[in-house]
C-alpha atoms as a PDB file:
ATOM      1  CA  MET A   1      36.055 -29.655  -8.383  1.00  0.00           C
ATOM      2  CA  ASN A   2      39.670 -30.584  -7.805  1.00  0.00           C
ATOM      3  CA  ILE A   3      41.491 -31.831 -10.839  1.00  0.00           C
ATOM      4  CA  THR A   4      42.479 -35.413 -10.186  1.00  0.00           C
ATOM      5  CA  LEU A   5      45.648 -37.028 -11.450  1.00  0.00           C
ATOM      6  CA  GLU A   6      43.460 -39.261 -13.616  1.00  0.00           C
ATOM      7  CA  ALA A   7      41.809 -36.171 -15.177  1.00  0.00           C
ATOM      8  CA  GLU A   8      45.214 -34.588 -15.798  1.00  0.00           C
ATOM      9  CA  GLU A   9      46.378 -37.770 -17.546  1.00  0.00           C
ATOM     10  CA  PHE A  10      43.180 -37.785 -19.616  1.00  0.00           C
ATOM     11  CA  TRP A  11      43.859 -34.165 -20.646  1.00  0.00           C
ATOM     12  CA  GLU A  12      47.455 -35.061 -21.579  1.00  0.00           C
ATOM     13  CA  ALA A  13      46.174 -37.940 -23.749  1.00  0.00           C
ATOM     14  CA  PHE A  14      43.790 -35.536 -25.496  1.00  0.00           C
ATOM     15  CA  CYS A  15      46.587 -33.030 -26.100  1.00  0.00           C
ATOM     16  CA  ASP A  16      48.931 -35.758 -27.375  1.00  0.00           C
ATOM     17  CA  HIS A  17      46.167 -36.874 -29.764  1.00  0.00           C
ATOM     18  CA  ASN A  18      45.775 -33.265 -30.954  1.00  0.00           C
ATOM     19  CA  ALA A  19      49.390 -32.181 -31.308  1.00  0.00           C
ATOM     20  CA  ASP A  20      48.375 -29.081 -33.291  1.00  0.00           C
ATOM     21  CA  LEU A  21      46.800 -27.579 -30.156  1.00  0.00           C
ATOM     22  CA  ASN A  22      48.893 -25.422 -27.842  1.00  0.00           C
ATOM     23  CA  LYS A  23      47.848 -26.916 -24.515  1.00  0.00           C
ATOM     24  CA  ASP A  24      49.408 -24.034 -22.574  1.00  0.00           C
ATOM     25  CA  GLU A  25      46.874 -21.654 -24.134  1.00  0.00           C
ATOM     26  CA  LEU A  26      43.798 -23.823 -23.617  1.00  0.00           C
ATOM     27  CA  TYR A  27      41.349 -23.585 -20.757  1.00  0.00           C
ATOM     28  CA  TYR A  28      39.634 -26.666 -19.411  1.00  0.00           C
ATOM     29  CA  ASP A  29      37.512 -27.511 -16.427  1.00  0.00           C
ATOM     30  CA  VAL A  30      36.668 -30.838 -14.788  1.00  0.00           C
ATOM     31  CA  TRP A  31      33.104 -31.566 -13.668  1.00  0.00           C
ATOM     32  CA  GLN A  32      30.249 -34.022 -13.617  1.00  0.00           C
ATOM     33  CA  PHE A  33      26.536 -33.717 -14.179  1.00  0.00           C
ATOM     34  CA  LEU A  34      24.745 -33.233 -10.878  1.00  0.00           C
ATOM     35  CA  ASP A  35      21.697 -35.471 -10.726  1.00  0.00           C
ATOM     36  CA  GLY A  36      22.641 -38.120  -8.198  1.00  0.00           C
ATOM     37  CA  LYS A  37      24.829 -41.120  -9.023  1.00  0.00           C
ATOM     38  CA  ARG A  38      22.430 -42.735 -11.494  1.00  0.00           C
ATOM     39  CA  GLY A  39      21.402 -39.448 -13.092  1.00  0.00           C
ATOM     40  CA  CYS A  40      24.998 -38.280 -13.472  1.00  0.00           C
ATOM     41  CA  ASP A  41      25.909 -41.378 -15.448  1.00  0.00           C
ATOM     42  CA  ARG A  42      22.662 -41.283 -17.450  1.00  0.00           C
ATOM     43  CA  LEU A  43      23.258 -37.688 -18.573  1.00  0.00           C
ATOM     44  CA  ALA A  44      26.860 -38.488 -19.492  1.00  0.00           C
ATOM     45  CA  SER A  45      25.697 -41.463 -21.578  1.00  0.00           C
ATOM     46  CA  LEU A  46      23.219 -39.194 -23.400  1.00  0.00           C
ATOM     47  CA  CYS A  47      26.170 -36.957 -24.324  1.00  0.00           C
ATOM     48  CA  LEU A  48      28.160 -39.909 -25.630  1.00  0.00           C
ATOM     49  CA  ALA A  49      25.158 -40.969 -27.723  1.00  0.00           C
ATOM     50  CA  GLY A  50      24.997 -37.472 -29.248  1.00  0.00           C
ATOM     51  CA  ILE A  51      21.535 -36.866 -27.772  1.00  0.00           C
ATOM     52  CA  LYS A  52      22.459 -34.367 -25.041  1.00  0.00           C
ATOM     53  CA  THR A  53      24.326 -31.412 -26.547  1.00  0.00           C
ATOM     54  CA  ALA A  54      23.574 -28.679 -24.001  1.00  0.00           C
ATOM     55  CA  THR A  55      23.481 -27.909 -20.306  1.00  0.00           C
ATOM     56  CA  SER A  56      22.386 -25.001 -18.139  1.00  0.00           C
ATOM     57  CA  SER A  57      23.221 -23.451 -14.785  1.00  0.00           C
ATOM     58  CA  VAL A  58      22.218 -20.492 -12.645  1.00  0.00           C
ATOM     59  CA  TYR A  59      24.564 -17.756 -13.875  1.00  0.00           C
ATOM     60  CA  LYS A  60      24.840 -15.942 -10.533  1.00  0.00           C
ATOM     61  CA  THR A  61      26.386 -18.990  -8.844  1.00  0.00           C
ATOM     62  CA  PHE A  62      29.436 -18.724 -11.118  1.00  0.00           C
ATOM     63  CA  GLU A  63      29.973 -15.152  -9.950  1.00  0.00           C
ATOM     64  CA  MET A  64      29.367 -16.019  -6.295  1.00  0.00           C
ATOM     65  CA  ASP A  65      31.849 -18.910  -6.453  1.00  0.00           C
ATOM     66  CA  ASP A  66      34.335 -16.742  -8.397  1.00  0.00           C
ATOM     67  CA  MET A  67      34.353 -19.310 -11.205  1.00  0.00           C
ATOM     68  CA  LYS A  68      35.304 -18.582 -14.801  1.00  0.00           C
ATOM     69  CA  ILE A  69      32.259 -18.110 -17.020  1.00  0.00           C
ATOM     70  CA  PRO A  70      32.492 -20.692 -19.831  1.00  0.00           C
ATOM     71  CA  GLU A  71      33.268 -19.347 -23.297  1.00  0.00           C
ATOM     72  CA  VAL A  72      33.020 -20.763 -26.793  1.00  0.00           C
ATOM     73  CA  GLY A  73      36.090 -22.930 -27.336  1.00  0.00           C
ATOM     74  CA  ASP A  74      36.526 -23.926 -23.697  1.00  0.00           C
ATOM     75  CA  TYR A  75      36.962 -27.605 -22.900  1.00  0.00           C
ATOM     76  CA  SER A  76      35.537 -29.727 -20.099  1.00  0.00           C
ATOM     77  CA  ILE A  77      36.531 -33.155 -18.889  1.00  0.00           C
ATOM     78  CA  ILE A  78      33.316 -34.883 -17.856  1.00  0.00           C
ATOM     79  CA  LEU A  79      33.513 -37.382 -15.022  1.00  0.00           C
ATOM     80  CA  ASP A  80      31.181 -40.245 -14.198  1.00  0.00           C
ATOM     81  CA  SER A  81      29.657 -40.625 -10.747  1.00  0.00           C
ATOM     82  CA  ASP A  82      32.873 -42.314  -9.520  1.00  0.00           C
ATOM     83  CA  GLU A  83      34.893 -39.311 -10.756  1.00  0.00           C
ATOM     84  CA  THR A  84      36.486 -41.265 -13.596  1.00  0.00           C
ATOM     85  CA  PRO A  85      37.067 -39.205 -16.773  1.00  0.00           C
ATOM     86  CA  LEU A  86      34.695 -40.255 -19.559  1.00  0.00           C
ATOM     87  CA  PHE A  87      35.090 -37.705 -22.333  1.00  0.00           C
ATOM     88  CA  ILE A  88      36.036 -34.160 -23.241  1.00  0.00           C
ATOM     89  CA  LEU A  89      33.531 -31.720 -24.599  1.00  0.00           C
ATOM     90  CA  LYS A  90      34.085 -28.363 -26.262  1.00  0.00           C
ATOM     91  CA  ASP A  91      31.715 -25.421 -25.875  1.00  0.00           C
ATOM     92  CA  THR A  92      30.283 -24.406 -29.250  1.00  0.00           C
ATOM     93  CA  ASN A  93      27.814 -21.772 -28.018  1.00  0.00           C
ATOM     94  CA  VAL A  94      27.431 -19.973 -24.699  1.00  0.00           C
ATOM     95  CA  GLU A  95      24.593 -17.575 -23.943  1.00  0.00           C
ATOM     96  CA  ILE A  96      23.097 -15.985 -20.860  1.00  0.00           C
ATOM     97  CA  LYS A  97      19.307 -15.867 -20.971  1.00  0.00           C
ATOM     98  CA  LYS A  98      16.504 -15.200 -18.554  1.00  0.00           C
ATOM     99  CA  PHE A  99      14.711 -18.369 -17.439  1.00  0.00           C
ATOM    100  CA  SER A 100      11.647 -17.090 -19.322  1.00  0.00           C
ATOM    101  CA  GLU A 101      13.682 -16.810 -22.562  1.00  0.00           C
ATOM    102  CA  ILE A 102      14.736 -20.473 -22.785  1.00  0.00           C
ATOM    103  CA  THR A 103      13.540 -21.900 -26.099  1.00  0.00           C
ATOM    104  CA  GLU A 104      12.021 -25.201 -27.146  1.00  0.00           C
ATOM    105  CA  GLU A 105      15.138 -25.782 -29.263  1.00  0.00           C
ATOM    106  CA  PHE A 106      17.488 -25.395 -26.297  1.00  0.00           C
ATOM    107  CA  ALA A 107      15.287 -27.592 -24.085  1.00  0.00           C
ATOM    108  CA  ALA A 108      15.465 -30.348 -26.701  1.00  0.00           C
ATOM    109  CA  LYS A 109      19.269 -30.091 -26.814  1.00  0.00           C
ATOM    110  CA  GLU A 110      19.450 -30.637 -23.050  1.00  0.00           C
ATOM    111  CA  ALA A 111      17.715 -33.971 -23.710  1.00  0.00           C
ATOM    112  CA  GLU A 112      16.208 -34.332 -20.274  1.00  0.00           C
ATOM    113  CA  GLY A 113      12.714 -35.634 -19.600  1.00  0.00           C
ATOM    114  CA  ASP A 114      10.455 -35.478 -22.635  1.00  0.00           C
ATOM    115  CA  GLN A 115      12.713 -32.849 -24.286  1.00  0.00           C
ATOM    116  CA  SER A 116       9.854 -30.319 -24.401  1.00  0.00           C
ATOM    117  CA  LEU A 117      10.132 -26.756 -23.133  1.00  0.00           C
ATOM    118  CA  GLY A 118       7.377 -27.417 -20.588  1.00  0.00           C
ATOM    119  CA  GLY A 119       9.191 -30.500 -19.306  1.00  0.00           C
ATOM    120  CA  TRP A 120      12.489 -28.628 -19.200  1.00  0.00           C
ATOM    121  CA  LYS A 121      10.957 -25.754 -17.220  1.00  0.00           C
ATOM    122  CA  LYS A 122       9.305 -28.113 -14.741  1.00  0.00           C
ATOM    123  CA  VAL A 123      12.527 -30.001 -13.990  1.00  0.00           C
ATOM    124  CA  HIS A 124      14.839 -26.998 -14.070  1.00  0.00           C
ATOM    125  CA  ARG A 125      12.565 -24.673 -12.100  1.00  0.00           C
ATOM    126  CA  LYS A 126      12.794 -27.109  -9.182  1.00  0.00           C
ATOM    127  CA  GLU A 127      16.560 -27.566  -9.644  1.00  0.00           C
ATOM    128  CA  PHE A 128      17.252 -23.835 -10.019  1.00  0.00           C
ATOM    129  CA  GLU A 129      14.995 -22.881  -7.092  1.00  0.00           C
ATOM    130  CA  ALA A 130      16.977 -25.252  -4.863  1.00  0.00           C
ATOM    131  CA  LYS A 131      20.297 -23.900  -6.156  1.00  0.00           C
ATOM    132  CA  CYS A 132      19.186 -20.290  -5.607  1.00  0.00           C
ATOM    133  CA  GLU A 133      17.972 -21.096  -2.106  1.00  0.00           C
ATOM    134  CA  GLU A 134      21.354 -22.687  -1.349  1.00  0.00           C
ATOM    135  CA  TYR A 135      23.040 -19.431  -2.402  1.00  0.00           C
ATOM    136  CA  GLY A 136      20.522 -17.160  -0.691  1.00  0.00           C
ATOM    137  CA  ILE A 137      19.261 -15.609  -3.915  1.00  0.00           C
ATOM    138  CA  GLU A 138      15.757 -15.323  -5.311  1.00  0.00           C
ATOM    139  CA  PHE A 139      14.646 -17.419  -8.261  1.00  0.00           C
ATOM    140  CA  ASN A 140      12.080 -16.028 -10.695  1.00  0.00           C
ATOM    141  CA  GLU A 141      11.358 -15.850 -14.426  1.00  0.00           C
ATOM    142  CA  ASP A 142      14.090 -13.202 -14.813  1.00  0.00           C
ATOM    143  CA  THR A 143      16.826 -15.309 -13.199  1.00  0.00           C
ATOM    144  CA  LEU A 144      19.791 -15.448 -15.551  1.00  0.00           C
ATOM    145  CA  ILE A 145      20.649 -18.900 -16.853  1.00  0.00           C
ATOM    146  CA  LEU A 146      23.997 -19.845 -18.364  1.00  0.00           C
ATOM    147  CA  CYS A 147      23.201 -21.923 -21.459  1.00  0.00           C
ATOM    148  CA  GLU A 148      26.040 -23.981 -22.915  1.00  0.00           C
ATOM    149  CA  GLU A 149      25.948 -25.995 -26.115  1.00  0.00           C
ATOM    150  CA  PHE A 150      28.779 -28.428 -26.739  1.00  0.00           C
ATOM    151  CA  GLU A 151      30.125 -31.331 -28.720  1.00  0.00           C
ATOM    152  CA  VAL A 152      31.943 -34.402 -27.452  1.00  0.00           C
ATOM    153  CA  ILE A 153      35.373 -34.318 -29.069  1.00  0.00           C
ATOM    154  CA  PHE A 154      37.405 -36.989 -27.258  1.00  0.00           C
ATOM    155  CA  GLN A 155      36.729 -40.165 -25.309  1.00  0.00           C
END
């Protein structure tokens, strides 16, 4: 996603608020949750409420798009469905796991659906199958999933 002027100003405000950080050495990305307009805003509000503290993606798509793989300590500016910056989160844990290795604990942290592992797998299997099809790759139980845990640190 292109970094908007509004996102850059939001990042500057965060850095000004945290003068001890060397902003030239920090990595940040700008993105929004992908679940349609209503879903995007709903997931963002769950983050702000401290309920959603994780997200997941098909790992291979990062490689195929030549995107940086998130690391612990990376920052993200999260946008609402109108691409307005809402908050900044910081990655606290990043792991790559097979789809079959996702745990009940991680599913609960994603805070989607009923927060159960079964519910998570049902929703994400459909989402990941579509994403893999879009990229021309096969989805199965061994598909690698990028699992990020985070905390909201600025709004």
